[in-house]
Amino acid sequence: MKLKDILEHFELSTATPPGSDIEIRGVRPLSEAGMGDLSFLSNPKYRDQAVSSKASAILVSQPVEGSQAVQILCKDPYVMLARILQYLFPEPKLPAGVHPTAWVHPTAKLGEGCHIGPFCLVEAGCIIGARSELVSHVSISPNCQIGEDVKLFPQVTLYARTRLGNRVRIQANTVIGSDGFGYAQERGVHVKVPQIGGVRIEDDVEIGSNTSIDRGALADTVIGTGTKIDNMVQIGHGVKIGNHSVLVSQTGVSGSSTIGTHTILAGKVGVVGHVSIGDRIVVMGDSVVTKNLDKPGNYAGNPAIPHMQYQRQLAHVRKLPKLQERIKSLEKALKNEQ
């Protein structure tokens, strides 16, 4: 595609006139880009790479002195890169229809343009919105509702009473709506509590592979609009997650916890049951949330506390060997005086 077409489509300007009509054939990192490639600079520490890069064009927020590439000015190069990639490499649509090896219950309703791929199962009472795609080996249990333009990748399983909004994407081998981990104890014996709630996933949610989201015991488990969930995440029964939050790989959220909007749980974060995490909070990797976090900011540690407080604690811990030696010296001096 011609660079001028990209500039026109996104209404972008350049630091200097682009000169000849440049053909953009690929998008690559600064260090690997060559003639015909588009790249981007979003982190100032890679400025030297932008200067030496052989890319034909680079997305920048400010002009970079010394760069020989055409510099495309934009507010946020990384966001603009995402939009250009969507424009240059649109995801192909699967053909409408039901594959001969799939089975769709007669009472299920399919919207216009749906794709039901090989060996998919759609059970009684299900509703699937227009242009949604079940790639292959997808299992949809009774009375599920799926919105429009949803894409479910191979081996995704939706248990009964799961509801998906529009434009939801769920990657392979993820399970939505399985039993919550709920048991009562009677004289040392675990008695199963039937999980009669469902799962509600709202518009524009994306969920990675090998993730499990349990249905609620009584009320639904809810994932808010625009939230993104990574691979290998566990969300317990009755959890409520607000809009536009992010849960990174290997995070686990125990039952009945609440997570606010625009909140990030970094990798390997654990959240105990029945706690509340507020809006615009970042819980850093390997942390454990054991009590409510209300104030926006960064938290870390086990138990999770404000990040700067955690760093001060670590600084004290690093001083412990020297402190131990000082105590030994003082004890030795006292003993010698006696």
C-alpha atoms as a PDB file:
ATOM      1  CA  MET A   1       0.000   0.000   0.000  1.00  0.00           C
ATOM      2  CA  LYS A   2       1.174   3.524  -0.783  1.00  0.00           C
ATOM      3  CA  LEU A   3       2.262   5.627   2.200  1.00  0.00           C
ATOM      4  CA  LYS A   4       0.142   8.508   0.906  1.00  0.00           C
ATOM      5  CA  ASP A   5      -2.959   6.303   1.148  1.00  0.00           C
ATOM      6  CA  ILE A   6      -2.213   5.562   4.812  1.00  0.00           C
ATOM      7  CA  LEU A   7      -1.634   9.243   5.522  1.00  0.00           C
ATOM      8  CA  GLU A   8      -4.885  10.204   3.843  1.00  0.00           C
ATOM      9  CA  HIS A   9      -6.948   7.465   5.480  1.00  0.00           C
ATOM     10  CA  PHE A  10      -5.840   8.417   9.007  1.00  0.00           C
ATOM     11  CA  GLU A  11      -5.471  12.151   8.298  1.00  0.00           C
ATOM     12  CA  LEU A  12      -1.815  12.132   9.361  1.00  0.00           C
ATOM     13  CA  SER A  13       0.944  14.624   8.615  1.00  0.00           C
ATOM     14  CA  THR A  14       4.706  14.195   8.362  1.00  0.00           C
ATOM     15  CA  ALA A  15       7.606  16.138   9.874  1.00  0.00           C
ATOM     16  CA  THR A  16       8.972  16.716   6.369  1.00  0.00           C
ATOM     17  CA  PRO A  17       7.424  16.099   2.927  1.00  0.00           C
ATOM     18  CA  PRO A  18       7.558  12.356   2.146  1.00  0.00           C
ATOM     19  CA  GLY A  19       9.105  12.925  -1.269  1.00  0.00           C
ATOM     20  CA  SER A  20       8.591  10.103  -3.746  1.00  0.00           C
ATOM     21  CA  ASP A  21       5.546   7.840  -3.507  1.00  0.00           C
ATOM     22  CA  ILE A  22       6.698   5.224  -0.993  1.00  0.00           C
ATOM     23  CA  GLU A  23       5.286   1.698  -1.022  1.00  0.00           C
ATOM     24  CA  ILE A  24       4.688   0.192   2.443  1.00  0.00           C
ATOM     25  CA  ARG A  25       5.032  -3.584   2.264  1.00  0.00           C
ATOM     26  CA  GLY A  26       5.346  -4.503   5.948  1.00  0.00           C
ATOM     27  CA  VAL A  27       5.426  -3.360   9.567  1.00  0.00           C
ATOM     28  CA  ARG A  28       8.507  -4.247  11.613  1.00  0.00           C
ATOM     29  CA  PRO A  29      10.394  -3.159  14.776  1.00  0.00           C
ATOM     30  CA  LEU A  30      12.895  -0.337  14.464  1.00  0.00           C
ATOM     31  CA  SER A  31      15.891  -2.658  14.755  1.00  0.00           C
ATOM     32  CA  GLU A  32      14.661  -4.997  11.995  1.00  0.00           C
ATOM     33  CA  ALA A  33      12.890  -2.640   9.598  1.00  0.00           C
ATOM     34  CA  GLY A  34      14.203  -1.999   6.109  1.00  0.00           C
ATOM     35  CA  MET A  35      13.118  -0.274   2.917  1.00  0.00           C
ATOM     36  CA  GLY A  36       9.379  -0.580   2.449  1.00  0.00           C
ATOM     37  CA  ASP A  37       8.706  -1.098   6.173  1.00  0.00           C
ATOM     38  CA  LEU A  38       6.733   1.046   8.583  1.00  0.00           C
ATOM     39  CA  SER A  39       7.910   1.183  12.215  1.00  0.00           C
ATOM     40  CA  PHE A  40       7.135   3.212  15.340  1.00  0.00           C
ATOM     41  CA  LEU A  41       8.811   4.963  18.294  1.00  0.00           C
ATOM     42  CA  SER A  42       6.723   4.993  21.472  1.00  0.00           C
ATOM     43  CA  ASN A  43       9.470   4.667  24.103  1.00  0.00           C
ATOM     44  CA  PRO A  44      12.150   7.412  24.227  1.00  0.00           C
ATOM     45  CA  LYS A  45      14.840   4.909  25.203  1.00  0.00           C
ATOM     46  CA  TYR A  46      14.726   3.549  21.629  1.00  0.00           C
ATOM     47  CA  ARG A  47      15.401   6.942  20.081  1.00  0.00           C
ATOM     48  CA  ASP A  48      18.867   5.881  18.875  1.00  0.00           C
ATOM     49  CA  GLN A  49      17.259   2.962  17.042  1.00  0.00           C
ATOM     50  CA  ALA A  50      14.920   5.411  15.323  1.00  0.00           C
ATOM     51  CA  VAL A  51      17.960   7.379  14.126  1.00  0.00           C
ATOM     52  CA  SER A  52      19.744   4.308  12.758  1.00  0.00           C
ATOM     53  CA  SER A  53      16.662   2.419  11.531  1.00  0.00           C
ATOM     54  CA  LYS A  54      16.404   1.649   7.811  1.00  0.00           C
ATOM     55  CA  ALA A  55      12.591   1.873   7.922  1.00  0.00           C
ATOM     56  CA  SER A  56      10.933   3.875   5.172  1.00  0.00           C
ATOM     57  CA  ALA A  57       8.551   5.515   7.639  1.00  0.00           C
ATOM     58  CA  ILE A  58       8.306   5.784  11.427  1.00  0.00           C
ATOM     59  CA  LEU A  59       5.393   6.810  13.611  1.00  0.00           C
ATOM     60  CA  VAL A  60       6.598   9.395  16.151  1.00  0.00           C
ATOM     61  CA  SER A  61       5.026  11.791  18.637  1.00  0.00           C
ATOM     62  CA  GLN A  62       7.852  14.324  18.182  1.00  0.00           C
ATOM     63  CA  PRO A  63      10.341  14.703  15.307  1.00  0.00           C
ATOM     64  CA  VAL A  64      13.580  12.737  15.763  1.00  0.00           C
ATOM     65  CA  GLU A  65      16.644  14.622  14.628  1.00  0.00           C
ATOM     66  CA  GLY A  66      18.955  12.545  12.459  1.00  0.00           C
ATOM     67  CA  SER A  67      16.393   9.989  11.287  1.00  0.00           C
ATOM     68  CA  GLN A  68      16.371   9.438   7.517  1.00  0.00           C
ATOM     69  CA  ALA A  69      12.902   7.877   7.543  1.00  0.00           C
ATOM     70  CA  VAL A  70       9.676   9.713   6.786  1.00  0.00           C
ATOM     71  CA  GLN A  71       8.451  10.705  10.258  1.00  0.00           C
ATOM     72  CA  ILE A  72       4.686  10.415  10.655  1.00  0.00           C
ATOM     73  CA  LEU A  73       3.432  12.618  13.485  1.00  0.00           C
ATOM     74  CA  CYS A  74       0.722  11.305  15.803  1.00  0.00           C
ATOM     75  CA  LYS A  75      -0.315  11.738  19.425  1.00  0.00           C
ATOM     76  CA  ASP A  76       0.305   8.111  20.444  1.00  0.00           C
ATOM     77  CA  PRO A  77       2.449   6.052  18.013  1.00  0.00           C
ATOM     78  CA  TYR A  78       1.555   2.719  19.601  1.00  0.00           C
ATOM     79  CA  VAL A  79      -2.194   3.337  19.363  1.00  0.00           C
ATOM     80  CA  MET A  80      -1.814   4.548  15.790  1.00  0.00           C
ATOM     81  CA  LEU A  81       0.248   1.450  14.990  1.00  0.00           C
ATOM     82  CA  ALA A  82      -2.627  -0.719  16.226  1.00  0.00           C
ATOM     83  CA  ARG A  83      -5.094   1.112  13.999  1.00  0.00           C
ATOM     84  CA  ILE A  84      -2.829   0.919  10.958  1.00  0.00           C
ATOM     85  CA  LEU A  85      -2.257  -2.810  11.512  1.00  0.00           C
ATOM     86  CA  GLN A  86      -6.024  -3.325  11.621  1.00  0.00           C
ATOM     87  CA  TYR A  87      -6.291  -1.393   8.360  1.00  0.00           C
ATOM     88  CA  LEU A  88      -3.444  -3.188   6.574  1.00  0.00           C
ATOM     89  CA  PHE A  89      -4.137  -6.696   7.857  1.00  0.00           C
ATOM     90  CA  PRO A  90      -7.884  -7.106   8.426  1.00  0.00           C
ATOM     91  CA  GLU A  91      -8.873 -10.443   9.905  1.00  0.00           C
ATOM     92  CA  PRO A  92     -10.521 -12.567   7.198  1.00  0.00           C
ATOM     93  CA  LYS A  93     -14.187 -13.370   7.731  1.00  0.00           C
ATOM     94  CA  LEU A  94     -15.183 -17.011   7.717  1.00  0.00           C
ATOM     95  CA  PRO A  95     -17.936 -17.977   5.269  1.00  0.00           C
ATOM     96  CA  ALA A  96     -21.499 -17.955   6.533  1.00  0.00           C
ATOM     97  CA  GLY A  97     -23.143 -21.320   7.082  1.00  0.00           C
ATOM     98  CA  VAL A  98     -23.139 -24.458   9.186  1.00  0.00           C
ATOM     99  CA  HIS A  99     -20.449 -27.054   8.497  1.00  0.00           C
ATOM    100  CA  PRO A 100     -21.767 -30.554   7.721  1.00  0.00           C
ATOM    101  CA  THR A 101     -20.014 -31.983  10.804  1.00  0.00           C
ATOM    102  CA  ALA A 102     -21.539 -29.399  13.184  1.00  0.00           C
ATOM    103  CA  TRP A 103     -24.793 -29.992  15.085  1.00  0.00           C
ATOM    104  CA  VAL A 104     -27.239 -27.193  15.802  1.00  0.00           C
ATOM    105  CA  HIS A 105     -30.377 -27.909  17.829  1.00  0.00           C
ATOM    106  CA  PRO A 106     -33.598 -27.096  15.943  1.00  0.00           C
ATOM    107  CA  THR A 107     -34.610 -24.571  18.633  1.00  0.00           C
ATOM    108  CA  ALA A 108     -31.331 -22.631  18.394  1.00  0.00           C
ATOM    109  CA  LYS A 109     -31.472 -19.319  16.533  1.00  0.00           C
ATOM    110  CA  LEU A 110     -28.623 -18.195  14.293  1.00  0.00           C
ATOM    111  CA  GLY A 111     -28.278 -14.605  13.111  1.00  0.00           C
ATOM    112  CA  GLU A 112     -27.505 -13.634   9.547  1.00  0.00           C
ATOM    113  CA  GLY A 113     -23.996 -14.441   8.370  1.00  0.00           C
ATOM    114  CA  CYS A 114     -23.032 -16.771  11.248  1.00  0.00           C
ATOM    115  CA  HIS A 115     -20.268 -19.319  10.739  1.00  0.00           C
ATOM    116  CA  ILE A 116     -20.634 -22.607  12.630  1.00  0.00           C
ATOM    117  CA  GLY A 117     -17.416 -24.504  11.934  1.00  0.00           C
ATOM    118  CA  PRO A 118     -16.433 -28.171  11.941  1.00  0.00           C
ATOM    119  CA  PHE A 119     -17.583 -30.314  14.878  1.00  0.00           C
ATOM    120  CA  CYS A 120     -19.248 -27.426  16.716  1.00  0.00           C
ATOM    121  CA  LEU A 121     -22.187 -28.105  19.040  1.00  0.00           C
ATOM    122  CA  VAL A 122     -25.005 -25.603  19.594  1.00  0.00           C
ATOM    123  CA  GLU A 123     -27.633 -26.909  21.999  1.00  0.00           C
ATOM    124  CA  ALA A 124     -31.275 -26.103  22.661  1.00  0.00           C
ATOM    125  CA  GLY A 125     -32.446 -22.555  23.219  1.00  0.00           C
ATOM    126  CA  CYS A 126     -29.219 -20.858  22.172  1.00  0.00           C
ATOM    127  CA  ILE A 127     -29.230 -17.525  20.361  1.00  0.00           C
ATOM    128  CA  ILE A 128     -26.230 -16.500  18.265  1.00  0.00           C
ATOM    129  CA  GLY A 129     -26.061 -12.981  16.839  1.00  0.00           C
ATOM    130  CA  ALA A 130     -25.297 -11.889  13.304  1.00  0.00           C
ATOM    131  CA  ARG A 131     -21.847 -12.511  11.816  1.00  0.00           C
ATOM    132  CA  SER A 132     -20.586 -14.420  14.841  1.00  0.00           C
ATOM    133  CA  GLU A 133     -18.062 -17.174  14.196  1.00  0.00           C
ATOM    134  CA  LEU A 134     -17.533 -20.502  15.959  1.00  0.00           C
ATOM    135  CA  VAL A 135     -14.258 -21.651  14.431  1.00  0.00           C
ATOM    136  CA  SER A 136     -14.245 -25.396  15.224  1.00  0.00           C
ATOM    137  CA  HIS A 137     -14.949 -27.865  18.061  1.00  0.00           C
ATOM    138  CA  VAL A 138     -16.804 -25.131  19.998  1.00  0.00           C
ATOM    139  CA  SER A 139     -19.392 -26.376  22.496  1.00  0.00           C
ATOM    140  CA  ILE A 140     -22.354 -24.153  23.393  1.00  0.00           C
ATOM    141  CA  SER A 141     -24.593 -25.548  26.148  1.00  0.00           C
ATOM    142  CA  PRO A 142     -28.350 -24.911  26.389  1.00  0.00           C
ATOM    143  CA  ASN A 143     -29.810 -21.424  26.746  1.00  0.00           C
ATOM    144  CA  CYS A 144     -26.660 -19.450  25.993  1.00  0.00           C
ATOM    145  CA  GLN A 145     -26.861 -16.064  24.297  1.00  0.00           C
ATOM    146  CA  ILE A 146     -24.096 -14.791  22.017  1.00  0.00           C
ATOM    147  CA  GLY A 147     -24.100 -11.280  20.574  1.00  0.00           C
ATOM    148  CA  GLU A 148     -23.089 -10.014  17.161  1.00  0.00           C
ATOM    149  CA  ASP A 149     -19.583 -10.231  15.643  1.00  0.00           C
ATOM    150  CA  VAL A 150     -18.374 -12.627  18.343  1.00  0.00           C
ATOM    151  CA  LYS A 151     -15.479 -14.974  17.583  1.00  0.00           C
ATOM    152  CA  LEU A 152     -14.918 -18.202  19.523  1.00  0.00           C
ATOM    153  CA  PHE A 153     -11.732 -20.079  18.688  1.00  0.00           C
ATOM    154  CA  PRO A 154     -11.277 -23.877  18.749  1.00  0.00           C
ATOM    155  CA  GLN A 155     -12.309 -25.854  21.826  1.00  0.00           C
ATOM    156  CA  VAL A 156     -14.032 -22.943  23.579  1.00  0.00           C
ATOM    157  CA  THR A 157     -16.781 -24.225  25.888  1.00  0.00           C
ATOM    158  CA  LEU A 158     -19.749 -22.203  27.115  1.00  0.00           C
ATOM    159  CA  TYR A 159     -21.773 -23.798  29.898  1.00  0.00           C
ATOM    160  CA  ALA A 160     -25.509 -23.200  30.250  1.00  0.00           C
ATOM    161  CA  ARG A 161     -26.807 -19.671  30.881  1.00  0.00           C
ATOM    162  CA  THR A 162     -23.694 -17.910  29.625  1.00  0.00           C
ATOM    163  CA  ARG A 163     -24.326 -14.579  27.891  1.00  0.00           C
ATOM    164  CA  LEU A 164     -21.810 -12.858  25.644  1.00  0.00           C
ATOM    165  CA  GLY A 165     -22.155  -9.289  24.380  1.00  0.00           C
ATOM    166  CA  ASN A 166     -21.150  -7.978  20.972  1.00  0.00           C
ATOM    167  CA  ARG A 167     -17.617  -8.262  19.549  1.00  0.00           C
ATOM    168  CA  VAL A 168     -16.407 -10.633  22.253  1.00  0.00           C
ATOM    169  CA  ARG A 169     -13.327 -12.727  21.365  1.00  0.00           C
ATOM    170  CA  ILE A 170     -12.430 -15.876  23.275  1.00  0.00           C
ATOM    171  CA  GLN A 171      -9.254 -17.789  22.450  1.00  0.00           C
ATOM    172  CA  ALA A 172      -8.801 -21.552  22.289  1.00  0.00           C
ATOM    173  CA  ASN A 173      -9.489 -23.965  25.159  1.00  0.00           C
ATOM    174  CA  THR A 174     -11.153 -21.428  27.430  1.00  0.00           C
ATOM    175  CA  VAL A 175     -14.115 -22.499  29.574  1.00  0.00           C
ATOM    176  CA  ILE A 176     -16.869 -20.071  30.540  1.00  0.00           C
ATOM    177  CA  GLY A 177     -19.549 -20.909  33.099  1.00  0.00           C
ATOM    178  CA  SER A 178     -18.194 -24.067  34.707  1.00  0.00           C
ATOM    179  CA  ASP A 179     -19.129 -24.845  38.327  1.00  0.00           C
ATOM    180  CA  GLY A 180     -17.952 -22.388  40.926  1.00  0.00           C
ATOM    181  CA  PHE A 181     -15.820 -23.887  43.688  1.00  0.00           C
ATOM    182  CA  GLY A 182     -18.470 -23.824  46.390  1.00  0.00           C
ATOM    183  CA  TYR A 183     -18.827 -26.349  49.229  1.00  0.00           C
ATOM    184  CA  ALA A 184     -20.362 -26.383  52.683  1.00  0.00           C
ATOM    185  CA  GLN A 185     -18.881 -28.545  55.445  1.00  0.00           C
ATOM    186  CA  GLU A 186     -20.878 -30.992  57.507  1.00  0.00           C
ATOM    187  CA  ARG A 187     -18.908 -32.958  60.107  1.00  0.00           C
ATOM    188  CA  GLY A 188     -15.739 -32.726  58.006  1.00  0.00           C
ATOM    189  CA  VAL A 189     -17.459 -33.718  54.753  1.00  0.00           C
ATOM    190  CA  HIS A 190     -17.610 -31.313  51.793  1.00  0.00           C
ATOM    191  CA  VAL A 191     -21.196 -30.815  50.604  1.00  0.00           C
ATOM    192  CA  LYS A 192     -21.491 -29.360  47.111  1.00  0.00           C
ATOM    193  CA  VAL A 193     -23.431 -26.090  46.837  1.00  0.00           C
ATOM    194  CA  PRO A 194     -25.242 -26.118  43.478  1.00  0.00           C
ATOM    195  CA  GLN A 195     -24.098 -23.221  41.327  1.00  0.00           C
ATOM    196  CA  ILE A 196     -27.306 -21.861  39.816  1.00  0.00           C
ATOM    197  CA  GLY A 197     -26.042 -18.483  38.580  1.00  0.00           C
ATOM    198  CA  GLY A 198     -24.628 -17.760  35.163  1.00  0.00           C
ATOM    199  CA  VAL A 199     -21.901 -15.687  33.511  1.00  0.00           C
ATOM    200  CA  ARG A 200     -22.475 -12.342  31.773  1.00  0.00           C
ATOM    201  CA  ILE A 201     -19.689 -11.023  29.576  1.00  0.00           C
ATOM    202  CA  GLU A 202     -20.360  -7.576  28.144  1.00  0.00           C
ATOM    203  CA  ASP A 203     -19.369  -5.932  24.843  1.00  0.00           C
ATOM    204  CA  ASP A 204     -15.795  -5.803  23.503  1.00  0.00           C
ATOM    205  CA  VAL A 205     -14.324  -8.200  26.063  1.00  0.00           C
ATOM    206  CA  GLU A 206     -11.358 -10.312  24.940  1.00  0.00           C
ATOM    207  CA  ILE A 207     -10.302 -13.469  26.776  1.00  0.00           C
ATOM    208  CA  GLY A 208      -7.106 -15.432  26.180  1.00  0.00           C
ATOM    209  CA  SER A 209      -6.560 -19.168  25.917  1.00  0.00           C
ATOM    210  CA  ASN A 210      -6.821 -21.703  28.751  1.00  0.00           C
ATOM    211  CA  THR A 211      -8.759 -19.332  30.999  1.00  0.00           C
ATOM    212  CA  SER A 212     -11.627 -20.409  33.274  1.00  0.00           C
ATOM    213  CA  ILE A 213     -14.491 -18.202  34.399  1.00  0.00           C
ATOM    214  CA  ASP A 214     -16.874 -19.861  36.867  1.00  0.00           C
ATOM    215  CA  ARG A 215     -20.585 -19.231  36.958  1.00  0.00           C
ATOM    216  CA  GLY A 216     -22.033 -17.693  40.101  1.00  0.00           C
ATOM    217  CA  ALA A 217     -23.490 -19.654  42.974  1.00  0.00           C
ATOM    218  CA  LEU A 218     -26.660 -17.526  43.046  1.00  0.00           C
ATOM    219  CA  ALA A 219     -25.931 -14.278  41.165  1.00  0.00           C
ATOM    220  CA  ASP A 220     -24.066 -14.056  37.858  1.00  0.00           C
ATOM    221  CA  THR A 221     -20.341 -13.667  37.423  1.00  0.00           C
ATOM    222  CA  VAL A 222     -19.931 -10.423  35.432  1.00  0.00           C
ATOM    223  CA  ILE A 223     -17.109  -9.181  33.175  1.00  0.00           C
ATOM    224  CA  GLY A 224     -17.560  -5.506  32.231  1.00  0.00           C
ATOM    225  CA  THR A 225     -17.374  -3.818  28.853  1.00  0.00           C
ATOM    226  CA  GLY A 226     -13.954  -3.620  27.209  1.00  0.00           C
ATOM    227  CA  THR A 227     -12.116  -5.668  29.835  1.00  0.00           C
ATOM    228  CA  LYS A 228      -9.182  -7.750  28.563  1.00  0.00           C
ATOM    229  CA  ILE A 229      -8.220 -11.061  30.192  1.00  0.00           C
ATOM    230  CA  ASP A 230      -4.958 -12.830  29.376  1.00  0.00           C
ATOM    231  CA  ASN A 231      -4.168 -16.533  29.015  1.00  0.00           C
ATOM    232  CA  MET A 232      -4.357 -18.871  32.025  1.00  0.00           C
ATOM    233  CA  VAL A 233      -6.477 -16.701  34.295  1.00  0.00           C
ATOM    234  CA  GLN A 234      -8.926 -18.102  36.867  1.00  0.00           C
ATOM    235  CA  ILE A 235     -12.010 -16.099  37.849  1.00  0.00           C
ATOM    236  CA  GLY A 236     -14.113 -17.544  40.619  1.00  0.00           C
ATOM    237  CA  HIS A 237     -17.872 -17.659  41.079  1.00  0.00           C
ATOM    238  CA  GLY A 238     -19.772 -14.446  41.555  1.00  0.00           C
ATOM    239  CA  VAL A 239     -16.827 -12.167  40.751  1.00  0.00           C
ATOM    240  CA  LYS A 240     -17.728  -8.742  39.366  1.00  0.00           C
ATOM    241  CA  ILE A 241     -15.168  -6.979  37.146  1.00  0.00           C
ATOM    242  CA  GLY A 242     -15.774  -3.420  35.944  1.00  0.00           C
ATOM    243  CA  ASN A 243     -15.263  -1.865  32.523  1.00  0.00           C
ATOM    244  CA  HIS A 244     -11.926  -1.624  30.703  1.00  0.00           C
ATOM    245  CA  SER A 245      -9.855  -3.485  33.279  1.00  0.00           C
ATOM    246  CA  VAL A 246      -6.937  -5.829  32.519  1.00  0.00           C
ATOM    247  CA  LEU A 247      -6.073  -9.177  34.106  1.00  0.00           C
ATOM    248  CA  VAL A 248      -2.654 -10.524  33.118  1.00  0.00           C
ATOM    249  CA  SER A 249      -1.603 -14.168  32.823  1.00  0.00           C
ATOM    250  CA  GLN A 250      -1.738 -16.533  35.821  1.00  0.00           C
ATOM    251  CA  THR A 251      -3.868 -14.176  37.879  1.00  0.00           C
ATOM    252  CA  GLY A 252      -6.469 -15.789  40.116  1.00  0.00           C
ATOM    253  CA  VAL A 253      -9.531 -14.048  41.545  1.00  0.00           C
ATOM    254  CA  SER A 254     -11.432 -15.888  44.265  1.00  0.00           C
ATOM    255  CA  GLY A 255     -15.191 -15.969  44.525  1.00  0.00           C
ATOM    256  CA  SER A 256     -17.399 -12.960  45.291  1.00  0.00           C
ATOM    257  CA  SER A 257     -14.606 -10.423  44.857  1.00  0.00           C
ATOM    258  CA  THR A 258     -15.206  -7.116  43.084  1.00  0.00           C
ATOM    259  CA  ILE A 259     -12.775  -5.331  40.759  1.00  0.00           C
ATOM    260  CA  GLY A 260     -13.392  -1.768  39.557  1.00  0.00           C
ATOM    261  CA  THR A 261     -12.969  -0.007  36.227  1.00  0.00           C
ATOM    262  CA  HIS A 262      -9.634   0.756  34.511  1.00  0.00           C
ATOM    263  CA  THR A 263      -7.871  -1.484  37.034  1.00  0.00           C
ATOM    264  CA  ILE A 264      -4.890  -3.719  36.211  1.00  0.00           C
ATOM    265  CA  LEU A 265      -3.955  -6.985  37.913  1.00  0.00           C
ATOM    266  CA  ALA A 266      -0.458  -7.814  36.658  1.00  0.00           C
ATOM    267  CA  GLY A 267       0.936 -11.328  36.226  1.00  0.00           C
ATOM    268  CA  LYS A 268       0.473 -13.908  39.000  1.00  0.00           C
ATOM    269  CA  VAL A 269      -1.690 -11.671  41.159  1.00  0.00           C
ATOM    270  CA  GLY A 270      -3.853 -13.484  43.690  1.00  0.00           C
ATOM    271  CA  VAL A 271      -7.090 -12.042  45.058  1.00  0.00           C
ATOM    272  CA  VAL A 272      -8.723 -13.693  48.072  1.00  0.00           C
ATOM    273  CA  GLY A 273     -12.470 -14.060  48.243  1.00  0.00           C
ATOM    274  CA  HIS A 274     -14.969 -11.357  49.197  1.00  0.00           C
ATOM    275  CA  VAL A 275     -12.610  -8.363  48.799  1.00  0.00           C
ATOM    276  CA  SER A 276     -13.122  -5.201  46.800  1.00  0.00           C
ATOM    277  CA  ILE A 277     -10.532  -3.551  44.530  1.00  0.00           C
ATOM    278  CA  GLY A 278     -11.496  -0.044  43.427  1.00  0.00           C
ATOM    279  CA  ASP A 279     -11.137   1.922  40.193  1.00  0.00           C
ATOM    280  CA  ARG A 280      -7.809   2.848  38.549  1.00  0.00           C
ATOM    281  CA  ILE A 281      -5.717   0.585  40.743  1.00  0.00           C
ATOM    282  CA  VAL A 282      -2.630  -1.314  39.575  1.00  0.00           C
ATOM    283  CA  VAL A 283      -1.701  -4.447  41.520  1.00  0.00           C
ATOM    284  CA  MET A 284       1.851  -5.374  40.562  1.00  0.00           C
ATOM    285  CA  GLY A 285       3.054  -8.859  39.653  1.00  0.00           C
ATOM    286  CA  ASP A 286       3.261 -11.657  42.254  1.00  0.00           C
ATOM    287  CA  SER A 287       1.169  -9.661  44.734  1.00  0.00           C
ATOM    288  CA  VAL A 288      -1.674 -10.985  46.872  1.00  0.00           C
ATOM    289  CA  VAL A 289      -4.710  -8.866  47.695  1.00  0.00           C
ATOM    290  CA  THR A 290      -6.033  -9.877  51.117  1.00  0.00           C
ATOM    291  CA  LYS A 291      -8.157  -6.842  52.003  1.00  0.00           C
ATOM    292  CA  ASN A 292     -10.055  -4.058  50.269  1.00  0.00           C
ATOM    293  CA  LEU A 293      -8.062  -1.599  48.146  1.00  0.00           C
ATOM    294  CA  ASP A 294     -10.003   1.630  47.652  1.00  0.00           C
ATOM    295  CA  LYS A 295      -7.589   4.429  46.762  1.00  0.00           C
ATOM    296  CA  PRO A 296      -6.335   4.665  43.146  1.00  0.00           C
ATOM    297  CA  GLY A 297      -2.621   3.947  42.791  1.00  0.00           C
ATOM    298  CA  ASN A 298      -0.033   1.167  42.607  1.00  0.00           C
ATOM    299  CA  TYR A 299       0.072  -1.698  45.096  1.00  0.00           C
ATOM    300  CA  ALA A 300       2.525  -4.557  45.612  1.00  0.00           C
ATOM    301  CA  GLY A 301       3.515  -7.322  47.999  1.00  0.00           C
ATOM    302  CA  ASN A 302       1.895 -10.064  50.051  1.00  0.00           C
ATOM    303  CA  PRO A 303      -0.320  -8.698  51.437  1.00  0.00           C
ATOM    304  CA  ALA A 304      -0.607  -5.943  48.831  1.00  0.00           C
ATOM    305  CA  ILE A 305       0.149  -2.475  50.218  1.00  0.00           C
ATOM    306  CA  PRO A 306       0.912   0.882  48.533  1.00  0.00           C
ATOM    307  CA  HIS A 307       3.899   0.421  46.250  1.00  0.00           C
ATOM    308  CA  MET A 308       6.182   3.018  47.849  1.00  0.00           C
ATOM    309  CA  GLN A 309       5.528   1.550  51.291  1.00  0.00           C
ATOM    310  CA  TYR A 310       6.400  -1.866  49.878  1.00  0.00           C
ATOM    311  CA  GLN A 311       9.654  -0.506  48.401  1.00  0.00           C
ATOM    312  CA  ARG A 312      10.622   0.990  51.769  1.00  0.00           C
ATOM    313  CA  GLN A 313      10.012  -2.384  53.406  1.00  0.00           C
ATOM    314  CA  LEU A 314      12.234  -4.064  50.821  1.00  0.00           C
ATOM    315  CA  ALA A 315      14.963  -1.492  51.467  1.00  0.00           C
ATOM    316  CA  HIS A 316      14.861  -2.338  55.174  1.00  0.00           C
ATOM    317  CA  VAL A 317      14.984  -6.059  54.406  1.00  0.00           C
ATOM    318  CA  ARG A 318      18.094  -5.579  52.255  1.00  0.00           C
ATOM    319  CA  LYS A 319      19.764  -3.887  55.220  1.00  0.00           C
ATOM    320  CA  LEU A 320      19.107  -6.800  57.574  1.00  0.00           C
ATOM    321  CA  PRO A 321      22.461  -8.609  56.990  1.00  0.00           C
ATOM    322  CA  LYS A 322      24.412  -5.440  57.878  1.00  0.00           C
ATOM    323  CA  LEU A 323      22.123  -4.826  60.841  1.00  0.00           C
ATOM    324  CA  GLN A 324      22.734  -8.383  62.016  1.00  0.00           C
ATOM    325  CA  GLU A 325      26.487  -7.856  61.830  1.00  0.00           C
ATOM    326  CA  ARG A 326      26.198  -4.622  63.824  1.00  0.00           C
ATOM    327  CA  ILE A 327      24.189  -6.397  66.517  1.00  0.00           C
ATOM    328  CA  LYS A 328      26.784  -9.166  66.710  1.00  0.00           C
ATOM    329  CA  SER A 329      29.554  -6.577  67.032  1.00  0.00           C
ATOM    330  CA  LEU A 330      27.668  -4.760  69.797  1.00  0.00           C
ATOM    331  CA  GLU A 331      26.986  -8.022  71.637  1.00  0.00           C
ATOM    332  CA  LYS A 332      30.665  -8.964  71.367  1.00  0.00           C
ATOM    333  CA  ALA A 333      31.737  -5.533  72.652  1.00  0.00           C
ATOM    334  CA  LEU A 334      29.339  -5.751  75.594  1.00  0.00           C
ATOM    335  CA  LYS A 335      30.576  -9.237  76.422  1.00  0.00           C
ATOM    336  CA  ASN A 336      34.211  -8.081  76.355  1.00  0.00           C
ATOM    337  CA  GLU A 337      33.377  -5.165  78.693  1.00  0.00           C
ATOM    338  CA  GLN A 338      31.860  -7.592  81.176  1.00  0.00           C
END
